[in-house]
C-alpha cells in the first residue's frame, strides 16, 4: 500500500460509522437541556458565556451541565469500549470473509461451466 494513500480501509470506515452511532445514541439518552448545552458548545462552538446568555442561565450552570454530561458520556462510552474490546473480531476476520466470498464465487463459476446454475 502506498504510504501517501490516505483512503481509509473498509474496516476503518465501519468502525468510524459505529463510533459515530454510539456517540449519537449516548447523546439521545441525555436530558434535553443537557443535550442542548452539548450541541451549543461542541457543535455550534459557543463559549460558556454565549451559552449562558442564550439559555438565560449562569456560566456556572453551563459549566456544571457540561461537566455532568462529560462524566455521563465518559461512563457510557467506556462501557461500550469495554464491550467492543471483549468481543473484538479476529485479526484476520476480513481475510476469512474474502476467502468465503471467493469460494462461493468459484463454486458458482464451476457450476455455470458445468452447465448447471
PDB file of N, CA and C in Angstrom:
ATOM      1  N   UNK A   1       0.832  -1.167   0.000  1.00  0.00           N
ATOM      2  CA  UNK A   1       0.000   0.000   0.000  1.00  0.00           C
ATOM      3  C   UNK A   1       0.884   1.240   0.000  1.00  0.00           C
ATOM      4  N   UNK A   2       0.559   2.210  -0.811  1.00  0.00           N
ATOM      5  CA  UNK A   2       1.316   3.454  -0.935  1.00  0.00           C
ATOM      6  C   UNK A   2       1.217   4.245   0.363  1.00  0.00           C
ATOM      7  N   UNK A   3       2.365   4.721   0.846  1.00  0.00           N
ATOM      8  CA  UNK A   3       2.389   5.477   2.107  1.00  0.00           C
ATOM      9  C   UNK A   3       1.609   6.768   1.999  1.00  0.00           C
ATOM     10  N   UNK A   4       1.426   7.289   0.779  1.00  0.00           N
ATOM     11  CA  UNK A   4       0.701   8.541   0.589  1.00  0.00           C
ATOM     12  C   UNK A   4      -0.795   8.327   0.445  1.00  0.00           C
ATOM     13  N   UNK A   5      -1.211   7.081   0.297  1.00  0.00           N
ATOM     14  CA  UNK A   5      -2.627   6.780   0.129  1.00  0.00           C
ATOM     15  C   UNK A   5      -3.349   6.999   1.458  1.00  0.00           C
ATOM     16  N   UNK A   6      -4.244   7.960   1.485  1.00  0.00           N
ATOM     17  CA  UNK A   6      -4.969   8.302   2.714  1.00  0.00           C
ATOM     18  C   UNK A   6      -6.374   7.702   2.747  1.00  0.00           C
ATOM     19  N   UNK A   7      -6.706   6.860   1.785  1.00  0.00           N
ATOM     20  CA  UNK A   7      -8.022   6.247   1.736  1.00  0.00           C
ATOM     21  C   UNK A   7      -8.160   5.268   2.901  1.00  0.00           C
ATOM     22  N   UNK A   8      -9.190   5.470   3.736  1.00  0.00           N
ATOM     23  CA  UNK A   8      -9.349   4.553   4.856  1.00  0.00           C
ATOM     24  C   UNK A   8      -9.757   3.158   4.379  1.00  0.00           C
ATOM     25  N   UNK A   9      -9.319   2.166   5.111  1.00  0.00           N
ATOM     26  CA  UNK A   9      -9.684   0.790   4.818  1.00  0.00           C
ATOM     27  C   UNK A   9     -11.150   0.588   5.175  1.00  0.00           C
ATOM     28  N   UNK A  10     -11.823  -0.394   4.541  1.00  0.00           N
ATOM     29  CA  UNK A  10     -13.247  -0.615   4.818  1.00  0.00           C
ATOM     30  C   UNK A  10     -13.550  -0.821   6.298  1.00  0.00           C
ATOM     31  N   UNK A  11     -12.695  -1.564   7.005  1.00  0.00           N
ATOM     32  CA  UNK A  11     -12.959  -1.795   8.420  1.00  0.00           C
ATOM     33  C   UNK A  11     -12.804  -0.508   9.230  1.00  0.00           C
ATOM     34  N   UNK A  12     -11.940   0.424   8.774  1.00  0.00           N
ATOM     35  CA  UNK A  12     -11.807   1.706   9.456  1.00  0.00           C
ATOM     36  C   UNK A  12     -13.061   2.547   9.250  1.00  0.00           C
ATOM     37  N   UNK A  13     -13.641   2.477   8.052  1.00  0.00           N
ATOM     38  CA  UNK A  13     -14.883   3.202   7.767  1.00  0.00           C
ATOM     39  C   UNK A  13     -16.019   2.668   8.622  1.00  0.00           C
ATOM     40  N   UNK A  14     -16.110   1.356   8.708  1.00  0.00           N
ATOM     41  CA  UNK A  14     -17.162   0.733   9.513  1.00  0.00           C
ATOM     42  C   UNK A  14     -16.995   1.117  10.974  1.00  0.00           C
ATOM     43  N   UNK A  15     -15.765   1.085  11.455  1.00  0.00           N
ATOM     44  CA  UNK A  15     -15.501   1.445  12.845  1.00  0.00           C
ATOM     45  C   UNK A  15     -15.889   2.898  13.113  1.00  0.00           C
ATOM     46  N   UNK A  16     -15.570   3.794  12.197  1.00  0.00           N
ATOM     47  CA  UNK A  16     -15.922   5.206  12.362  1.00  0.00           C
ATOM     48  C   UNK A  16     -17.436   5.392  12.393  1.00  0.00           C
ATOM     49  N   UNK A  17     -18.138   4.674  11.527  1.00  0.00           N
ATOM     50  CA  UNK A  17     -19.603   4.744  11.495  1.00  0.00           C
ATOM     51  C   UNK A  17     -20.176   4.219  12.801  1.00  0.00           C
ATOM     52  N   UNK A  18     -19.641   3.110  13.281  1.00  0.00           N
ATOM     53  CA  UNK A  18     -20.117   2.533  14.537  1.00  0.00           C
ATOM     54  C   UNK A  18     -19.867   3.482  15.702  1.00  0.00           C
ATOM     55  N   UNK A  19     -18.691   4.083  15.736  1.00  0.00           N
ATOM     56  CA  UNK A  19     -18.377   5.010  16.819  1.00  0.00           C
ATOM     57  C   UNK A  19     -19.303   6.218  16.791  1.00  0.00           C
ATOM     58  N   UNK A  20     -19.552   6.749  15.602  1.00  0.00           N
ATOM     59  CA  UNK A  20     -20.459   7.888  15.468  1.00  0.00           C
ATOM     60  C   UNK A  20     -21.854   7.512  15.965  1.00  0.00           C
ATOM     61  N   UNK A  21     -22.315   6.318  15.626  1.00  0.00           N
ATOM     62  CA  UNK A  21     -23.643   5.867  16.050  1.00  0.00           C
ATOM     63  C   UNK A  21     -23.697   5.694  17.568  1.00  0.00           C
ATOM     64  N   UNK A  22     -22.635   5.187  18.142  1.00  0.00           N
ATOM     65  CA  UNK A  22     -22.576   5.013  19.593  1.00  0.00           C
ATOM     66  C   UNK A  22     -22.671   6.359  20.288  1.00  0.00           C
ATOM     67  N   UNK A  23     -21.937   7.334  19.789  1.00  0.00           N
ATOM     68  CA  UNK A  23     -21.972   8.676  20.386  1.00  0.00           C
ATOM     69  C   UNK A  23     -23.365   9.275  20.226  1.00  0.00           C
ATOM     70  N   UNK A  24     -23.956   9.146  19.039  1.00  0.00           N
ATOM     71  CA  UNK A  24     -25.295   9.680  18.821  1.00  0.00           C
ATOM     72  C   UNK A  24     -26.308   9.023  19.744  1.00  0.00           C
ATOM     73  N   UNK A  25     -26.206   7.721  19.915  1.00  0.00           N
ATOM     74  CA  UNK A  25     -27.111   7.016  20.824  1.00  0.00           C
ATOM     75  C   UNK A  25     -26.933   7.480  22.267  1.00  0.00           C
ATOM     76  N   UNK A  26     -25.677   7.684  22.663  1.00  0.00           N
ATOM     77  CA  UNK A  26     -25.402   8.165  24.019  1.00  0.00           C
ATOM     78  C   UNK A  26     -25.966   9.569  24.215  1.00  0.00           C
ATOM     79  N   UNK A  27     -25.837  10.412  23.205  1.00  0.00           N
ATOM     80  CA  UNK A  27     -26.377  11.774  23.300  1.00  0.00           C
ATOM     81  C   UNK A  27     -27.897  11.771  23.394  1.00  0.00           C
ATOM     82  N   UNK A  28     -28.542  10.823  22.723  1.00  0.00           N
ATOM     83  CA  UNK A  28     -30.002  10.728  22.780  1.00  0.00           C
ATOM     84  C   UNK A  28     -30.489  10.398  24.188  1.00  0.00           C
ATOM     85  N   UNK A  29     -29.629   9.767  24.976  1.00  0.00           N
ATOM     86  CA  UNK A  29     -30.001   9.385  26.341  1.00  0.00           C
ATOM     87  C   UNK A  29     -29.972  10.574  27.301  1.00  0.00           C
ATOM     88  N   UNK A  30     -29.362  11.672  26.887  1.00  0.00           N
ATOM     89  CA  UNK A  30     -29.238  12.839  27.752  1.00  0.00           C
ATOM     90  C   UNK A  30     -30.567  13.575  27.857  1.00  0.00           C
ATOM     91  N   UNK A  31     -30.746  14.247  28.973  1.00  0.00           N
ATOM     92  CA  UNK A  31     -31.904  15.118  29.130  1.00  0.00           C
ATOM     93  C   UNK A  31     -31.800  16.234  28.095  1.00  0.00           C
ATOM     94  N   UNK A  32     -32.927  16.764  27.666  1.00  0.00           N
ATOM     95  CA  UNK A  32     -32.962  17.775  26.613  1.00  0.00           C
ATOM     96  C   UNK A  32     -32.068  18.975  26.923  1.00  0.00           C
ATOM     97  N   UNK A  33     -32.124  19.478  28.163  1.00  0.00           N
ATOM     98  CA  UNK A  33     -31.315  20.664  28.494  1.00  0.00           C
ATOM     99  C   UNK A  33     -29.816  20.361  28.428  1.00  0.00           C
ATOM    100  N   UNK A  34     -29.419  19.149  28.780  1.00  0.00           N
ATOM    101  CA  UNK A  34     -28.003  18.771  28.683  1.00  0.00           C
ATOM    102  C   UNK A  34     -27.577  18.577  27.233  1.00  0.00           C
ATOM    103  N   UNK A  35     -28.450  17.969  26.445  1.00  0.00           N
ATOM    104  CA  UNK A  35     -28.151  17.762  25.025  1.00  0.00           C
ATOM    105  C   UNK A  35     -28.016  19.122  24.323  1.00  0.00           C
ATOM    106  N   UNK A  36     -28.844  20.081  24.735  1.00  0.00           N
ATOM    107  CA  UNK A  36     -28.787  21.415  24.150  1.00  0.00           C
ATOM    108  C   UNK A  36     -27.453  22.100  24.459  1.00  0.00           C
ATOM    109  N   UNK A  37     -26.995  21.983  25.697  1.00  0.00           N
ATOM    110  CA  UNK A  37     -25.716  22.585  26.085  1.00  0.00           C
ATOM    111  C   UNK A  37     -24.568  21.954  25.302  1.00  0.00           C
ATOM    112  N   UNK A  38     -24.585  20.644  25.173  1.00  0.00           N
ATOM    113  CA  UNK A  38     -23.545  19.942  24.420  1.00  0.00           C
ATOM    114  C   UNK A  38     -23.538  20.412  22.966  1.00  0.00           C
ATOM    115  N   UNK A  39     -24.700  20.494  22.385  1.00  0.00           N
ATOM    116  CA  UNK A  39     -24.811  20.931  21.000  1.00  0.00           C
ATOM    117  C   UNK A  39     -24.292  22.358  20.820  1.00  0.00           C
ATOM    118  N   UNK A  40     -24.704  23.240  21.696  1.00  0.00           N
ATOM    119  CA  UNK A  40     -24.273  24.634  21.596  1.00  0.00           C
ATOM    120  C   UNK A  40     -22.757  24.769  21.758  1.00  0.00           C
ATOM    121  N   UNK A  41     -22.191  23.981  22.669  1.00  0.00           N
ATOM    122  CA  UNK A  41     -20.756  24.100  22.939  1.00  0.00           C
ATOM    123  C   UNK A  41     -19.898  23.390  21.884  1.00  0.00           C
ATOM    124  N   UNK A  42     -20.220  22.118  21.597  1.00  0.00           N
ATOM    125  CA  UNK A  42     -19.344  21.329  20.736  1.00  0.00           C
ATOM    126  C   UNK A  42     -19.672  21.430  19.244  1.00  0.00           C
ATOM    127  N   UNK A  43     -20.917  21.659  18.923  1.00  0.00           N
ATOM    128  CA  UNK A  43     -21.286  21.749  17.509  1.00  0.00           C
ATOM    129  C   UNK A  43     -21.282  23.200  17.037  1.00  0.00           C
ATOM    130  N   UNK A  44     -21.952  24.057  17.816  1.00  0.00           N
ATOM    131  CA  UNK A  44     -22.019  25.476  17.430  1.00  0.00           C
ATOM    132  C   UNK A  44     -20.809  26.273  17.894  1.00  0.00           C
ATOM    133  N   UNK A  45     -19.979  25.664  18.731  1.00  0.00           N
ATOM    134  CA  UNK A  45     -18.732  26.282  19.208  1.00  0.00           C
ATOM    135  C   UNK A  45     -18.955  27.573  19.992  1.00  0.00           C
ATOM    136  N   UNK A  46     -20.048  27.623  20.739  1.00  0.00           N
ATOM    137  CA  UNK A  46     -20.296  28.797  21.567  1.00  0.00           C
ATOM    138  C   UNK A  46     -19.515  28.694  22.868  1.00  0.00           C
ATOM    139  N   UNK A  47     -19.138  29.831  23.388  1.00  0.00           N
ATOM    140  CA  UNK A  47     -18.433  29.874  24.674  1.00  0.00           C
ATOM    141  C   UNK A  47     -19.435  29.668  25.805  1.00  0.00           C
ATOM    142  N   UNK A  48     -18.912  29.442  27.013  1.00  0.00           N
ATOM    143  CA  UNK A  48     -19.791  29.312  28.175  1.00  0.00           C
ATOM    144  C   UNK A  48     -20.645  30.562  28.330  1.00  0.00           C
ATOM    145  N   UNK A  49     -20.039  31.728  28.140  1.00  0.00           N
ATOM    146  CA  UNK A  49     -20.764  32.995  28.296  1.00  0.00           C
ATOM    147  C   UNK A  49     -21.884  33.109  27.264  1.00  0.00           C
ATOM    148  N   UNK A  50     -21.594  32.716  26.021  1.00  0.00           N
ATOM    149  CA  UNK A  50     -22.615  32.796  24.970  1.00  0.00           C
ATOM    150  C   UNK A  50     -23.758  31.823  25.244  1.00  0.00           C
ATOM    151  N   UNK A  51     -23.418  30.629  25.696  1.00  0.00           N
ATOM    152  CA  UNK A  51     -24.456  29.637  26.021  1.00  0.00           C
ATOM    153  C   UNK A  51     -25.298  30.137  27.181  1.00  0.00           C
ATOM    154  N   UNK A  52     -24.641  30.665  28.205  1.00  0.00           N
ATOM    155  CA  UNK A  52     -25.354  31.175  29.380  1.00  0.00           C
ATOM    156  C   UNK A  52     -26.335  32.279  28.977  1.00  0.00           C
ATOM    157  N   UNK A  53     -25.889  33.186  28.122  1.00  0.00           N
ATOM    158  CA  UNK A  53     -26.760  34.269  27.671  1.00  0.00           C
ATOM    159  C   UNK A  53     -27.933  33.719  26.864  1.00  0.00           C
ATOM    160  N   UNK A  54     -27.650  32.774  25.983  1.00  0.00           N
ATOM    161  CA  UNK A  54     -28.696  32.191  25.139  1.00  0.00           C
ATOM    162  C   UNK A  54     -29.744  31.453  25.973  1.00  0.00           C
ATOM    163  N   UNK A  55     -29.274  30.690  26.954  1.00  0.00           N
ATOM    164  CA  UNK A  55     -30.183  29.881  27.784  1.00  0.00           C
ATOM    165  C   UNK A  55     -30.724  30.633  29.001  1.00  0.00           C
ATOM    166  N   UNK A  56     -30.191  31.842  29.210  1.00  0.00           N
ATOM    167  CA  UNK A  56     -30.588  32.656  30.363  1.00  0.00           C
ATOM    168  C   UNK A  56     -30.316  31.931  31.684  1.00  0.00           C
ATOM    169  N   UNK A  57     -29.105  31.381  31.764  1.00  0.00           N
ATOM    170  CA  UNK A  57     -28.619  30.751  32.992  1.00  0.00           C
ATOM    171  C   UNK A  57     -27.217  31.299  33.253  1.00  0.00           C
ATOM    172  N   UNK A  58     -26.653  30.947  34.383  1.00  0.00           N
ATOM    173  CA  UNK A  58     -25.309  31.429  34.705  1.00  0.00           C
ATOM    174  C   UNK A  58     -24.254  30.595  33.963  1.00  0.00           C
ATOM    175  N   UNK A  59     -23.070  31.170  33.836  1.00  0.00           N
ATOM    176  CA  UNK A  59     -21.957  30.423  33.246  1.00  0.00           C
ATOM    177  C   UNK A  59     -21.629  29.209  34.103  1.00  0.00           C
ATOM    178  N   UNK A  60     -21.775  29.361  35.403  1.00  0.00           N
ATOM    179  CA  UNK A  60     -21.519  28.243  36.321  1.00  0.00           C
ATOM    180  C   UNK A  60     -22.476  27.093  36.039  1.00  0.00           C
ATOM    181  N   UNK A  61     -23.737  27.429  35.738  1.00  0.00           N
ATOM    182  CA  UNK A  61     -24.719  26.384  35.403  1.00  0.00           C
ATOM    183  C   UNK A  61     -24.318  25.673  34.116  1.00  0.00           C
ATOM    184  N   UNK A  62     -23.862  26.425  33.132  1.00  0.00           N
ATOM    185  CA  UNK A  62     -23.413  25.835  31.861  1.00  0.00           C
ATOM    186  C   UNK A  62     -22.231  24.917  32.119  1.00  0.00           C
ATOM    187  N   UNK A  63     -21.267  25.402  32.877  1.00  0.00           N
ATOM    188  CA  UNK A  63     -20.081  24.611  33.180  1.00  0.00           C
ATOM    189  C   UNK A  63     -20.469  23.332  33.927  1.00  0.00           C
ATOM    190  N   UNK A  64     -21.371  23.448  34.879  1.00  0.00           N
ATOM    191  CA  UNK A  64     -21.814  22.279  35.639  1.00  0.00           C
ATOM    192  C   UNK A  64     -22.500  21.252  34.754  1.00  0.00           C
ATOM    193  N   UNK A  65     -23.372  21.728  33.867  1.00  0.00           N
ATOM    194  CA  UNK A  65     -24.059  20.804  32.952  1.00  0.00           C
ATOM    195  C   UNK A  65     -23.053  20.075  32.068  1.00  0.00           C
ATOM    196  N   UNK A  66     -22.107  20.829  31.529  1.00  0.00           N
ATOM    197  CA  UNK A  66     -21.114  20.193  30.659  1.00  0.00           C
ATOM    198  C   UNK A  66     -20.263  19.176  31.412  1.00  0.00           C
ATOM    199  N   UNK A  67     -19.911  19.489  32.648  1.00  0.00           N
ATOM    200  CA  UNK A  67     -19.133  18.532  33.449  1.00  0.00           C
ATOM    201  C   UNK A  67     -19.929  17.264  33.696  1.00  0.00           C
ATOM    202  N   UNK A  68     -21.204  17.411  34.042  1.00  0.00           N
ATOM    203  CA  UNK A  68     -22.050  16.233  34.287  1.00  0.00           C
ATOM    204  C   UNK A  68     -22.232  15.413  33.014  1.00  0.00           C
ATOM    205  N   UNK A  69     -22.436  16.113  31.899  1.00  0.00           N
ATOM    206  CA  UNK A  69     -22.617  15.417  30.627  1.00  0.00           C
ATOM    207  C   UNK A  69     -21.352  14.663  30.244  1.00  0.00           C
ATOM    208  N   UNK A  70     -20.209  15.311  30.370  1.00  0.00           N
ATOM    209  CA  UNK A  70     -18.949  14.638  30.017  1.00  0.00           C
ATOM    210  C   UNK A  70     -18.729  13.399  30.887  1.00  0.00           C
ATOM    211  N   UNK A  71     -19.051  13.515  32.162  1.00  0.00           N
ATOM    212  CA  UNK A  71     -18.891  12.360  33.059  1.00  0.00           C
ATOM    213  C   UNK A  71     -19.827  11.224  32.651  1.00  0.00           C
ATOM    214  N   UNK A  72     -21.074  11.572  32.337  1.00  0.00           N
ATOM    215  CA  UNK A  72     -22.047  10.548  31.930  1.00  0.00           C
ATOM    216  C   UNK A  72     -21.630   9.895  30.616  1.00  0.00           C
ATOM    217  N   UNK A  73     -21.200  10.710  29.661  1.00  0.00           N
ATOM    218  CA  UNK A  73     -20.779  10.168  28.364  1.00  0.00           C
ATOM    219  C   UNK A  73     -19.527   9.311  28.513  1.00  0.00           C
ATOM    220  N   UNK A  74     -18.601   9.776  29.344  1.00  0.00           N
ATOM    221  CA  UNK A  74     -17.369   9.008  29.569  1.00  0.00           C
ATOM    222  C   UNK A  74     -17.716   7.626  30.117  1.00  0.00           C
ATOM    223  N   UNK A  75     -18.617   7.588  31.078  1.00  0.00           N
ATOM    224  CA  UNK A  75     -19.022   6.311  31.674  1.00  0.00           C
ATOM    225  C   UNK A  75     -19.690   5.419  30.627  1.00  0.00           C
ATOM    226  N   UNK A  76     -20.618   5.983  29.873  1.00  0.00           N
ATOM    227  CA  UNK A  76     -21.341   5.224  28.850  1.00  0.00           C
ATOM    228  C   UNK A  76     -20.390   4.727  27.763  1.00  0.00           C
ATOM    229  N   UNK A  77     -19.539   5.594  27.285  1.00  0.00           N
ATOM    230  CA  UNK A  77     -18.645   5.218  26.194  1.00  0.00           C
ATOM    231  C   UNK A  77     -17.559   4.250  26.648  1.00  0.00           C
ATOM    232  N   UNK A  78     -17.144   4.342  27.903  1.00  0.00           N
ATOM    233  CA  UNK A  78     -16.182   3.368  28.428  1.00  0.00           C
ATOM    234  C   UNK A  78     -16.792   1.977  28.486  1.00  0.00           C
ATOM    235  N   UNK A  79     -18.091   1.905  28.855  1.00  0.00           N
ATOM    236  CA  UNK A  79     -18.760   0.605  28.886  1.00  0.00           C
ATOM    237  C   UNK A  79     -18.850   0.025  27.481  1.00  0.00           C
ATOM    238  N   UNK A  80     -19.149   0.868  26.504  1.00  0.00           N
ATOM    239  CA  UNK A  80     -19.237   0.408  25.120  1.00  0.00           C
ATOM    240  C   UNK A  80     -17.868  -0.049  24.635  1.00  0.00           C
ATOM    241  N   UNK A  81     -16.834   0.735  24.922  1.00  0.00           N
ATOM    242  CA  UNK A  81     -15.480   0.373  24.514  1.00  0.00           C
ATOM    243  C   UNK A  81     -15.071  -0.962  25.134  1.00  0.00           C
ATOM    244  N   UNK A  82     -15.399  -1.160  26.400  1.00  0.00           N
ATOM    245  CA  UNK A  82     -15.077  -2.421  27.070  1.00  0.00           C
ATOM    246  C   UNK A  82     -15.779  -3.582  26.366  1.00  0.00           C
ATOM    247  N   UNK A  83     -17.039  -3.386  26.008  1.00  0.00           N
ATOM    248  CA  UNK A  83     -17.791  -4.430  25.313  1.00  0.00           C
ATOM    249  C   UNK A  83     -17.120  -4.780  23.979  1.00  0.00           C
ATOM    250  N   UNK A  84     -16.730  -3.740  23.210  1.00  0.00           N
ATOM    251  CA  UNK A  84     -16.094  -3.998  21.924  1.00  0.00           C
ATOM    252  C   UNK A  84     -14.757  -4.703  22.100  1.00  0.00           C
ATOM    253  N   UNK A  85     -13.992  -4.333  23.106  1.00  0.00           N
ATOM    254  CA  UNK A  85     -12.701  -4.978  23.330  1.00  0.00           C
ATOM    255  C   UNK A  85     -12.887  -6.440  23.698  1.00  0.00           C
ATOM    256  N   UNK A  86     -13.915  -6.717  24.494  1.00  0.00           N
ATOM    257  CA  UNK A  86     -14.163  -8.096  24.911  1.00  0.00           C
ATOM    258  C   UNK A  86     -14.714  -8.944  23.776  1.00  0.00           C
ATOM    259  N   UNK A  87     -15.347  -8.309  22.802  1.00  0.00           N
ATOM    260  CA  UNK A  87     -15.982  -9.034  21.696  1.00  0.00           C
ATOM    261  C   UNK A  87     -15.349  -8.672  20.352  1.00  0.00           C
ATOM    262  N   UNK A  88     -14.083  -8.394  20.370  1.00  0.00           N
ATOM    263  CA  UNK A  88     -13.352  -7.973  19.169  1.00  0.00           C
ATOM    264  C   UNK A  88     -13.318  -9.094  18.138  1.00  0.00           C
ATOM    265  N   UNK A  89     -13.427  -8.703  16.883  1.00  0.00           N
ATOM    266  CA  UNK A  89     -13.314  -9.673  15.797  1.00  0.00           C
ATOM    267  C   UNK A  89     -11.875 -10.169  15.692  1.00  0.00           C
ATOM    268  N   UNK A  90     -11.726 -11.369  15.141  1.00  0.00           N
ATOM    269  CA  UNK A  90     -10.390 -11.905  14.933  1.00  0.00           C
ATOM    270  C   UNK A  90      -9.595 -10.975  14.033  1.00  0.00           C
ATOM    271  N   UNK A  91      -8.282 -10.993  14.184  1.00  0.00           N
ATOM    272  CA  UNK A  91      -7.388 -10.136  13.410  1.00  0.00           C
ATOM    273  C   UNK A  91      -7.563 -10.348  11.909  1.00  0.00           C
ATOM    274  N   UNK A  92      -7.789 -11.587  11.505  1.00  0.00           N
ATOM    275  CA  UNK A  92      -7.892 -11.900  10.080  1.00  0.00           C
ATOM    276  C   UNK A  92      -9.346 -12.067   9.628  1.00  0.00           C
ATOM    277  N   UNK A  93     -10.276 -11.432  10.313  1.00  0.00           N
ATOM    278  CA  UNK A  93     -11.702 -11.557  10.002  1.00  0.00           C
ATOM    279  C   UNK A  93     -11.996 -11.188   8.542  1.00  0.00           C
ATOM    280  N   UNK A  94     -11.472 -10.042   8.089  1.00  0.00           N
ATOM    281  CA  UNK A  94     -11.735  -9.595   6.718  1.00  0.00           C
ATOM    282  C   UNK A  94     -11.194 -10.600   5.706  1.00  0.00           C
ATOM    283  N   UNK A  95     -10.021 -11.154   5.964  1.00  0.00           N
ATOM    284  CA  UNK A  95      -9.438 -12.144   5.055  1.00  0.00           C
ATOM    285  C   UNK A  95     -10.290 -13.416   5.027  1.00  0.00           C
ATOM    286  N   UNK A  96     -10.814 -13.830   6.171  1.00  0.00           N
ATOM    287  CA  UNK A  96     -11.684 -15.009   6.229  1.00  0.00           C
ATOM    288  C   UNK A  96     -12.951 -14.791   5.396  1.00  0.00           C
ATOM    289  N   UNK A  97     -13.530 -13.613   5.518  1.00  0.00           N
ATOM    290  CA  UNK A  97     -14.738 -13.297   4.745  1.00  0.00           C
ATOM    291  C   UNK A  97     -14.419 -13.295   3.253  1.00  0.00           C
ATOM    292  N   UNK A  98     -13.287 -12.709   2.889  1.00  0.00           N
ATOM    293  CA  UNK A  98     -12.900 -12.670   1.470  1.00  0.00           C
ATOM    294  C   UNK A  98     -12.713 -14.085   0.931  1.00  0.00           C
ATOM    295  N   UNK A  99     -12.091 -14.966   1.706  1.00  0.00           N
ATOM    296  CA  UNK A  99     -11.917 -16.361   1.276  1.00  0.00           C
ATOM    297  C   UNK A  99     -13.271 -17.032   1.064  1.00  0.00           C
ATOM    298  N   UNK A 100     -14.217 -16.794   1.970  1.00  0.00           N
ATOM    299  CA  UNK A 100     -15.557 -17.368   1.818  1.00  0.00           C
ATOM    300  C   UNK A 100     -16.231 -16.851   0.550  1.00  0.00           C
ATOM    301  N   UNK A 101     -16.125 -15.551   0.310  1.00  0.00           N
ATOM    302  CA  UNK A 101     -16.714 -14.974  -0.906  1.00  0.00           C
ATOM    303  C   UNK A 101     -16.057 -15.540  -2.156  1.00  0.00           C
ATOM    304  N   UNK A 102     -14.748 -15.694  -2.132  1.00  0.00           N
ATOM    305  CA  UNK A 102     -14.028 -16.270  -3.277  1.00  0.00           C
ATOM    306  C   UNK A 102     -14.471 -17.709  -3.530  1.00  0.00           C
ATOM    307  N   UNK A 103     -14.671 -18.470  -2.461  1.00  0.00           N
ATOM    308  CA  UNK A 103     -15.108 -19.860  -2.576  1.00  0.00           C
ATOM    309  C   UNK A 103     -16.505 -19.928  -3.185  1.00  0.00           C
ATOM    310  N   UNK A 104     -17.400 -19.070  -2.724  1.00  0.00           N
ATOM    311  CA  UNK A 104     -18.769 -19.042  -3.255  1.00  0.00           C
ATOM    312  C   UNK A 104     -18.750 -18.675  -4.730  1.00  0.00           C
ATOM    313  N   UNK A 105     -17.966 -17.669  -5.080  1.00  0.00           N
ATOM    314  CA  UNK A 105     -17.856 -17.244  -6.484  1.00  0.00           C
ATOM    315  C   UNK A 105     -17.285 -18.365  -7.340  1.00  0.00           C
ATOM    316  N   UNK A 106     -16.257 -19.025  -6.860  1.00  0.00           N
ATOM    317  CA  UNK A 106     -15.640 -20.131  -7.604  1.00  0.00           C
ATOM    318  C   UNK A 106     -16.636 -21.272  -7.785  1.00  0.00           C
ATOM    319  N   UNK A 107     -17.419 -21.585  -6.735  1.00  0.00           N
ATOM    320  CA  UNK A 107     -18.427 -22.647  -6.833  1.00  0.00           C
ATOM    321  C   UNK A 107     -19.479 -22.301  -7.884  1.00  0.00           C
ATOM    322  N   UNK A 108     -19.939 -21.055  -7.897  1.00  0.00           N
ATOM    323  CA  UNK A 108     -20.938 -20.629  -8.877  1.00  0.00           C
ATOM    324  C   UNK A 108     -20.351 -20.701 -10.282  1.00  0.00           C
ATOM    325  N   UNK A 109     -19.129 -20.243 -10.438  1.00  0.00           N
ATOM    326  CA  UNK A 109     -18.476 -20.269 -11.743  1.00  0.00           C
ATOM    327  C   UNK A 109     -18.298 -21.707 -12.215  1.00  0.00           C
ATOM    328  N   UNK A 110     -17.956 -22.596 -11.298  1.00  0.00           N
ATOM    329  CA  UNK A 110     -17.771 -24.006 -11.631  1.00  0.00           C
ATOM    330  C   UNK A 110     -19.070 -24.643 -12.069  1.00  0.00           C
ATOM    331  N   UNK A 111     -20.174 -24.325 -11.421  1.00  0.00           N
ATOM    332  CA  UNK A 111     -21.478 -24.869 -11.796  1.00  0.00           C
ATOM    333  C   UNK A 111     -21.916 -24.336 -13.156  1.00  0.00           C
ATOM    334  N   UNK A 112     -21.654 -23.065 -13.408  1.00  0.00           N
ATOM    335  CA  UNK A 112     -22.017 -22.486 -14.722  1.00  0.00           C
ATOM    336  C   UNK A 112     -21.220 -23.169 -15.831  1.00  0.00           C
ATOM    337  N   UNK A 113     -19.934 -23.382 -15.567  1.00  0.00           N
ATOM    338  CA  UNK A 113     -19.090 -24.021 -16.575  1.00  0.00           C
ATOM    339  C   UNK A 113     -19.531 -25.458 -16.832  1.00  0.00           C
ATOM    340  N   UNK A 114     -20.071 -26.103 -15.789  1.00  0.00           N
ATOM    341  CA  UNK A 114     -20.523 -27.485 -15.934  1.00  0.00           C
ATOM    342  C   UNK A 114     -21.913 -27.564 -16.537  1.00  0.00           C
ATOM    343  N   UNK A 115     -22.546 -26.406 -16.730  1.00  0.00           N
ATOM    344  CA  UNK A 115     -23.870 -26.418 -17.364  1.00  0.00           C
ATOM    345  C   UNK A 115     -25.014 -26.316 -16.364  1.00  0.00           C
ATOM    346  N   UNK A 116     -24.748 -26.333 -15.101  1.00  0.00           N
ATOM    347  CA  UNK A 116     -25.805 -26.190 -14.083  1.00  0.00           C
ATOM    348  C   UNK A 116     -25.800 -24.786 -13.533  1.00  0.00           C
ATOM    349  N   UNK A 117     -26.861 -24.335 -13.038  1.00  0.00           N
ATOM    350  CA  UNK A 117     -26.925 -22.992 -12.471  1.00  0.00           C
ATOM    351  C   UNK A 117     -27.073 -23.181 -11.015  1.00  0.00           C
TER     352      UNK A 117
END
